[in-house]
Amino acid sequence: MWGCLVPIIVILLLPFSGYPLRKFQTSAGRKALPLEATNVEEHLIHGIFGGDFTRLLKASLPAERYPDYAKSLGLSEHFDPRVHDRIEPILNWKSLDDPLWWNPPKVDSTTYFEHKEGDDYLRVLRYDNGSVYLHVQRW
């Protein structure tokens, strides 16, 4: 009797298995931060399924290290309002679940990002007033 039930339970729980793993892993954004980074804040919001998540990271960083941080994350594309006007609302996405410290500026020409229209993955890196803001989302 239990022989069939155990595999069924395991299969039903598989979509949710990403939650505990991601919660305790050091994020790529935190690993890539330069040694000069201070005041690091990070928040993880899980979706209903194990693959859906939003990760927010804010850290104090000298302005001259901002391009290096973007490069270490593999981000090279800059936001251009003439070219990327259709995805601007997605890049500026905010949620009611965002922590109080999450106050990034609107995207501008200094913003690095990774997202193509129709993708279910997004990375946005911004800099403002001595802080970097990294938003990573999968839906």
C-alpha atoms as a PDB file:
ATOM      1  CA  MET A   1       0.000   0.000   0.000  1.00  0.00           C
ATOM      2  CA  TRP A   2       2.671   2.576   0.998  1.00  0.00           C
ATOM      3  CA  GLY A   3       4.887   1.520  -1.896  1.00  0.00           C
ATOM      4  CA  CYS A   4       2.807   3.477  -4.433  1.00  0.00           C
ATOM      5  CA  LEU A   5       1.971   6.392  -2.160  1.00  0.00           C
ATOM      6  CA  VAL A   6       5.568   7.456  -1.441  1.00  0.00           C
ATOM      7  CA  PRO A   7       6.561   8.034  -5.121  1.00  0.00           C
ATOM      8  CA  ILE A   8       3.300   9.915  -5.733  1.00  0.00           C
ATOM      9  CA  ILE A   9       3.968  12.238  -2.776  1.00  0.00           C
ATOM     10  CA  VAL A  10       7.556  12.829  -3.929  1.00  0.00           C
ATOM     11  CA  ILE A  11       6.376  13.690  -7.458  1.00  0.00           C
ATOM     12  CA  LEU A  12       3.739  16.085  -6.120  1.00  0.00           C
ATOM     13  CA  LEU A  13       6.312  17.879  -3.968  1.00  0.00           C
ATOM     14  CA  LEU A  14       8.972  18.286  -6.687  1.00  0.00           C
ATOM     15  CA  PRO A  15       7.689  21.655  -7.988  1.00  0.00           C
ATOM     16  CA  PHE A  16       8.167  23.112  -4.497  1.00  0.00           C
ATOM     17  CA  SER A  17      11.677  21.749  -3.909  1.00  0.00           C
ATOM     18  CA  GLY A  18      13.403  24.940  -5.134  1.00  0.00           C
ATOM     19  CA  TYR A  19      12.143  26.896  -2.130  1.00  0.00           C
ATOM     20  CA  PRO A  20      14.352  25.486   0.635  1.00  0.00           C
ATOM     21  CA  LEU A  21      17.390  25.201  -1.596  1.00  0.00           C
ATOM     22  CA  ARG A  22      17.275  28.790  -2.859  1.00  0.00           C
ATOM     23  CA  LYS A  23      16.514  30.201   0.590  1.00  0.00           C
ATOM     24  CA  PHE A  24      19.814  29.035   2.074  1.00  0.00           C
ATOM     25  CA  GLN A  25      22.132  29.398  -0.927  1.00  0.00           C
ATOM     26  CA  THR A  26      24.325  32.459  -1.362  1.00  0.00           C
ATOM     27  CA  SER A  27      23.000  34.303  -4.401  1.00  0.00           C
ATOM     28  CA  ALA A  28      25.119  34.990  -7.476  1.00  0.00           C
ATOM     29  CA  GLY A  29      24.549  38.708  -6.900  1.00  0.00           C
ATOM     30  CA  ARG A  30      25.999  38.550  -3.403  1.00  0.00           C
ATOM     31  CA  LYS A  31      28.938  36.375  -4.497  1.00  0.00           C
ATOM     32  CA  ALA A  32      29.825  38.833  -7.280  1.00  0.00           C
ATOM     33  CA  LEU A  33      29.881  41.905  -5.014  1.00  0.00           C
ATOM     34  CA  PRO A  34      33.303  43.572  -4.767  1.00  0.00           C
ATOM     35  CA  LEU A  35      35.060  43.562  -1.398  1.00  0.00           C
ATOM     36  CA  GLU A  36      34.280  47.279  -0.997  1.00  0.00           C
ATOM     37  CA  ALA A  37      30.540  46.583  -0.832  1.00  0.00           C
ATOM     38  CA  THR A  38      28.927  47.279   2.536  1.00  0.00           C
ATOM     39  CA  ASN A  39      25.417  47.444   4.013  1.00  0.00           C
ATOM     40  CA  VAL A  40      24.266  44.439   1.983  1.00  0.00           C
ATOM     41  CA  GLU A  41      20.549  43.727   2.176  1.00  0.00           C
ATOM     42  CA  GLU A  42      18.943  40.802   0.379  1.00  0.00           C
ATOM     43  CA  HIS A  43      15.386  39.576   0.172  1.00  0.00           C
ATOM     44  CA  LEU A  44      13.906  36.494  -1.489  1.00  0.00           C
ATOM     45  CA  ILE A  45      10.248  36.218  -2.470  1.00  0.00           C
ATOM     46  CA  HIS A  46       9.038  32.778  -3.563  1.00  0.00           C
ATOM     47  CA  GLY A  47       6.307  32.155  -6.065  1.00  0.00           C
ATOM     48  CA  ILE A  48       3.785  29.352  -5.899  1.00  0.00           C
ATOM     49  CA  PHE A  49       6.010  26.923  -7.784  1.00  0.00           C
ATOM     50  CA  GLY A  50       9.654  26.122  -7.025  1.00  0.00           C
ATOM     51  CA  GLY A  51      11.004  27.857 -10.124  1.00  0.00           C
ATOM     52  CA  ASP A  52       9.242  31.193  -9.560  1.00  0.00           C
ATOM     53  CA  PHE A  53      11.077  33.725  -7.419  1.00  0.00           C
ATOM     54  CA  THR A  54      12.142  37.329  -6.991  1.00  0.00           C
ATOM     55  CA  ARG A  55      15.470  38.206  -5.393  1.00  0.00           C
ATOM     56  CA  LEU A  56      16.286  41.773  -4.415  1.00  0.00           C
ATOM     57  CA  LEU A  57      19.754  42.941  -3.384  1.00  0.00           C
ATOM     58  CA  LYS A  58      20.890  46.388  -2.298  1.00  0.00           C
ATOM     59  CA  ALA A  59      24.441  47.288  -1.268  1.00  0.00           C
ATOM     60  CA  SER A  60      26.564  50.378  -0.775  1.00  0.00           C
ATOM     61  CA  LEU A  61      29.241  50.520  -3.445  1.00  0.00           C
ATOM     62  CA  PRO A  62      31.604  53.215  -4.789  1.00  0.00           C
ATOM     63  CA  ALA A  63      30.383  54.538  -8.157  1.00  0.00           C
ATOM     64  CA  GLU A  64      33.592  53.559  -9.946  1.00  0.00           C
ATOM     65  CA  ARG A  65      32.980  49.870  -9.059  1.00  0.00           C
ATOM     66  CA  TYR A  66      29.459  49.805 -10.547  1.00  0.00           C
ATOM     67  CA  PRO A  67      30.573  48.830 -14.097  1.00  0.00           C
ATOM     68  CA  ASP A  68      32.871  46.136 -12.676  1.00  0.00           C
ATOM     69  CA  TYR A  69      29.994  44.666 -10.679  1.00  0.00           C
ATOM     70  CA  ALA A  70      27.799  44.602 -13.795  1.00  0.00           C
ATOM     71  CA  LYS A  71      30.563  42.859 -15.726  1.00  0.00           C
ATOM     72  CA  SER A  72      31.032  40.243 -12.986  1.00  0.00           C
ATOM     73  CA  LEU A  73      27.304  39.475 -13.266  1.00  0.00           C
ATOM     74  CA  GLY A  74      27.591  39.091 -17.036  1.00  0.00           C
ATOM     75  CA  LEU A  75      25.447  42.175 -17.690  1.00  0.00           C
ATOM     76  CA  SER A  76      26.456  44.399 -20.588  1.00  0.00           C
ATOM     77  CA  GLU A  77      23.244  45.747 -22.156  1.00  0.00           C
ATOM     78  CA  HIS A  78      22.256  49.276 -21.150  1.00  0.00           C
ATOM     79  CA  PHE A  79      18.686  50.525 -21.073  1.00  0.00           C
ATOM     80  CA  ASP A  80      17.830  52.889 -23.922  1.00  0.00           C
ATOM     81  CA  PRO A  81      14.324  54.436 -23.720  1.00  0.00           C
ATOM     82  CA  ARG A  82      14.113  54.743 -27.530  1.00  0.00           C
ATOM     83  CA  VAL A  83      14.865  51.044 -28.049  1.00  0.00           C
ATOM     84  CA  HIS A  84      13.445  49.429 -24.899  1.00  0.00           C
ATOM     85  CA  ASP A  85      10.289  51.492 -24.338  1.00  0.00           C
ATOM     86  CA  ARG A  86       8.039  48.391 -24.566  1.00  0.00           C
ATOM     87  CA  ILE A  87       9.808  46.605 -21.686  1.00  0.00           C
ATOM     88  CA  GLU A  88      10.353  49.651 -19.470  1.00  0.00           C
ATOM     89  CA  PRO A  89       7.334  48.808 -17.235  1.00  0.00           C
ATOM     90  CA  ILE A  90       8.744  45.305 -16.693  1.00  0.00           C
ATOM     91  CA  LEU A  91      12.196  46.658 -15.810  1.00  0.00           C
ATOM     92  CA  ASN A  92      10.636  49.090 -13.303  1.00  0.00           C
ATOM     93  CA  TRP A  93       8.468  46.340 -11.766  1.00  0.00           C
ATOM     94  CA  LYS A  94       7.623  46.716  -8.077  1.00  0.00           C
ATOM     95  CA  SER A  95       5.606  44.530  -5.743  1.00  0.00           C
ATOM     96  CA  LEU A  96       3.656  45.003  -2.545  1.00  0.00           C
ATOM     97  CA  ASP A  97       5.929  42.303  -1.071  1.00  0.00           C
ATOM     98  CA  ASP A  98       9.062  44.445  -1.529  1.00  0.00           C
ATOM     99  CA  PRO A  99      10.877  45.268   1.737  1.00  0.00           C
ATOM    100  CA  LEU A 100      10.956  48.886   2.929  1.00  0.00           C
ATOM    101  CA  TRP A 101      14.655  49.285   2.072  1.00  0.00           C
ATOM    102  CA  TRP A 102      13.987  48.447  -1.594  1.00  0.00           C
ATOM    103  CA  ASN A 103      13.835  51.896  -3.224  1.00  0.00           C
ATOM    104  CA  PRO A 104      15.604  51.674  -6.607  1.00  0.00           C
ATOM    105  CA  PRO A 105      15.544  54.559  -9.068  1.00  0.00           C
ATOM    106  CA  LYS A 106      13.635  54.278 -12.346  1.00  0.00           C
ATOM    107  CA  VAL A 107      15.631  52.672 -15.141  1.00  0.00           C
ATOM    108  CA  ASP A 108      17.779  55.048 -17.183  1.00  0.00           C
ATOM    109  CA  SER A 109      20.794  54.939 -19.506  1.00  0.00           C
ATOM    110  CA  THR A 110      23.053  53.799 -16.625  1.00  0.00           C
ATOM    111  CA  THR A 111      20.879  50.725 -15.996  1.00  0.00           C
ATOM    112  CA  TYR A 112      22.223  47.310 -16.992  1.00  0.00           C
ATOM    113  CA  PHE A 113      19.693  44.590 -17.709  1.00  0.00           C
ATOM    114  CA  GLU A 114      19.017  41.171 -19.161  1.00  0.00           C
ATOM    115  CA  HIS A 115      15.540  40.573 -20.573  1.00  0.00           C
ATOM    116  CA  LYS A 116      14.005  39.986 -23.967  1.00  0.00           C
ATOM    117  CA  GLU A 117      10.351  40.490 -24.734  1.00  0.00           C
ATOM    118  CA  GLY A 118       8.550  37.202 -24.055  1.00  0.00           C
ATOM    119  CA  ASP A 119      11.206  35.927 -21.608  1.00  0.00           C
ATOM    120  CA  ASP A 120      10.228  34.658 -18.175  1.00  0.00           C
ATOM    121  CA  TYR A 121      13.524  35.816 -16.656  1.00  0.00           C
ATOM    122  CA  LEU A 122      14.732  39.275 -15.741  1.00  0.00           C
ATOM    123  CA  ARG A 123      17.864  40.862 -14.239  1.00  0.00           C
ATOM    124  CA  VAL A 124      18.086  44.603 -13.671  1.00  0.00           C
ATOM    125  CA  LEU A 125      21.050  46.416 -12.108  1.00  0.00           C
ATOM    126  CA  ARG A 126      20.784  50.099 -11.153  1.00  0.00           C
ATOM    127  CA  TYR A 127      22.940  52.570  -9.298  1.00  0.00           C
ATOM    128  CA  ASP A 128      21.815  55.570  -7.287  1.00  0.00           C
ATOM    129  CA  ASN A 129      23.316  57.711  -4.552  1.00  0.00           C
ATOM    130  CA  GLY A 130      26.059  55.240  -3.568  1.00  0.00           C
ATOM    131  CA  SER A 131      23.939  52.072  -3.758  1.00  0.00           C
ATOM    132  CA  VAL A 132      23.526  49.269  -6.276  1.00  0.00           C
ATOM    133  CA  TYR A 133      20.138  47.623  -6.720  1.00  0.00           C
ATOM    134  CA  LEU A 134      19.939  44.161  -8.259  1.00  0.00           C
ATOM    135  CA  HIS A 135      16.535  42.708  -9.152  1.00  0.00           C
ATOM    136  CA  VAL A 136      16.430  39.092 -10.378  1.00  0.00           C
ATOM    137  CA  GLN A 137      13.097  37.480 -11.201  1.00  0.00           C
ATOM    138  CA  ARG A 138      11.782  34.291 -12.776  1.00  0.00           C
ATOM    139  CA  TRP A 139       8.070  33.727 -13.365  1.00  0.00           C
END
